[in-house]
Amino acid sequence: MLLSIVSEVSRWAIPFLLLVIPVAGFFRGVKVYESFVEGAEEGFETAVRIIPFLVGMLVAIGVFRASGAMAYFVKFINPIMMLIGAPGEVLPLAVMRPLSGGGALGIATELIGAHGPDSFIGRLASTMQGSTDTTFYVLTVYFGSVGIRRYRYAVTLGLIADITGLLASVFIINLLFGG
């Protein structure tokens, strides 16, 4: 029952927003299309401005993976994952997700391909993808686009949010689908 409700809400959420936002803009007197085009122009300028930050981050991720440091880190953290009820197969996804959305999506695709989308691992990987964020990517892009170089507490809080999303994913998938 709960799963079917969540499925229906998920299916209609985006079409609902695509309908509500222009209608709300119309009633508030906002020129929706012109606002969209203006925002798209600003977005393009921002995209060009953040390219150096993205290149730096992607090189660092490539070095992290190619050096084998990620494999050692995964091996070190694996006993903790087993304690919380998460299979070790999802650990590379948990490590990659704060670093790179594309890299995490690749790992999630491999997990779903190997275990199936309706398997425990497939559901856990999908939920982790949706409930955690690409913290370092977000900080690099957003902070880089406005020229912020000192992150202060943002990295710590972002990683705490990622760990919370990981733990919530494990709890919910174990609750709904068993482990």
Foldseek 3Di string as FASTA:
>chain_A
DVVVVVVVCVVCVVVVCVVVVVVVCVVVVHPVVVVVVVVVVVVVVLVVQLVVLVVVLVVVVVCCVVVCVLVVVLVVCQVVCVVLPHHSLCSSLLVCFLRDLVVSVVSLVVQCVVQNCPDLSNQLSVQLSVQAHNQVVCCSSVCSSVVNDDCVCSSVVNVVSSVVSNSVSSVVSCVPPND
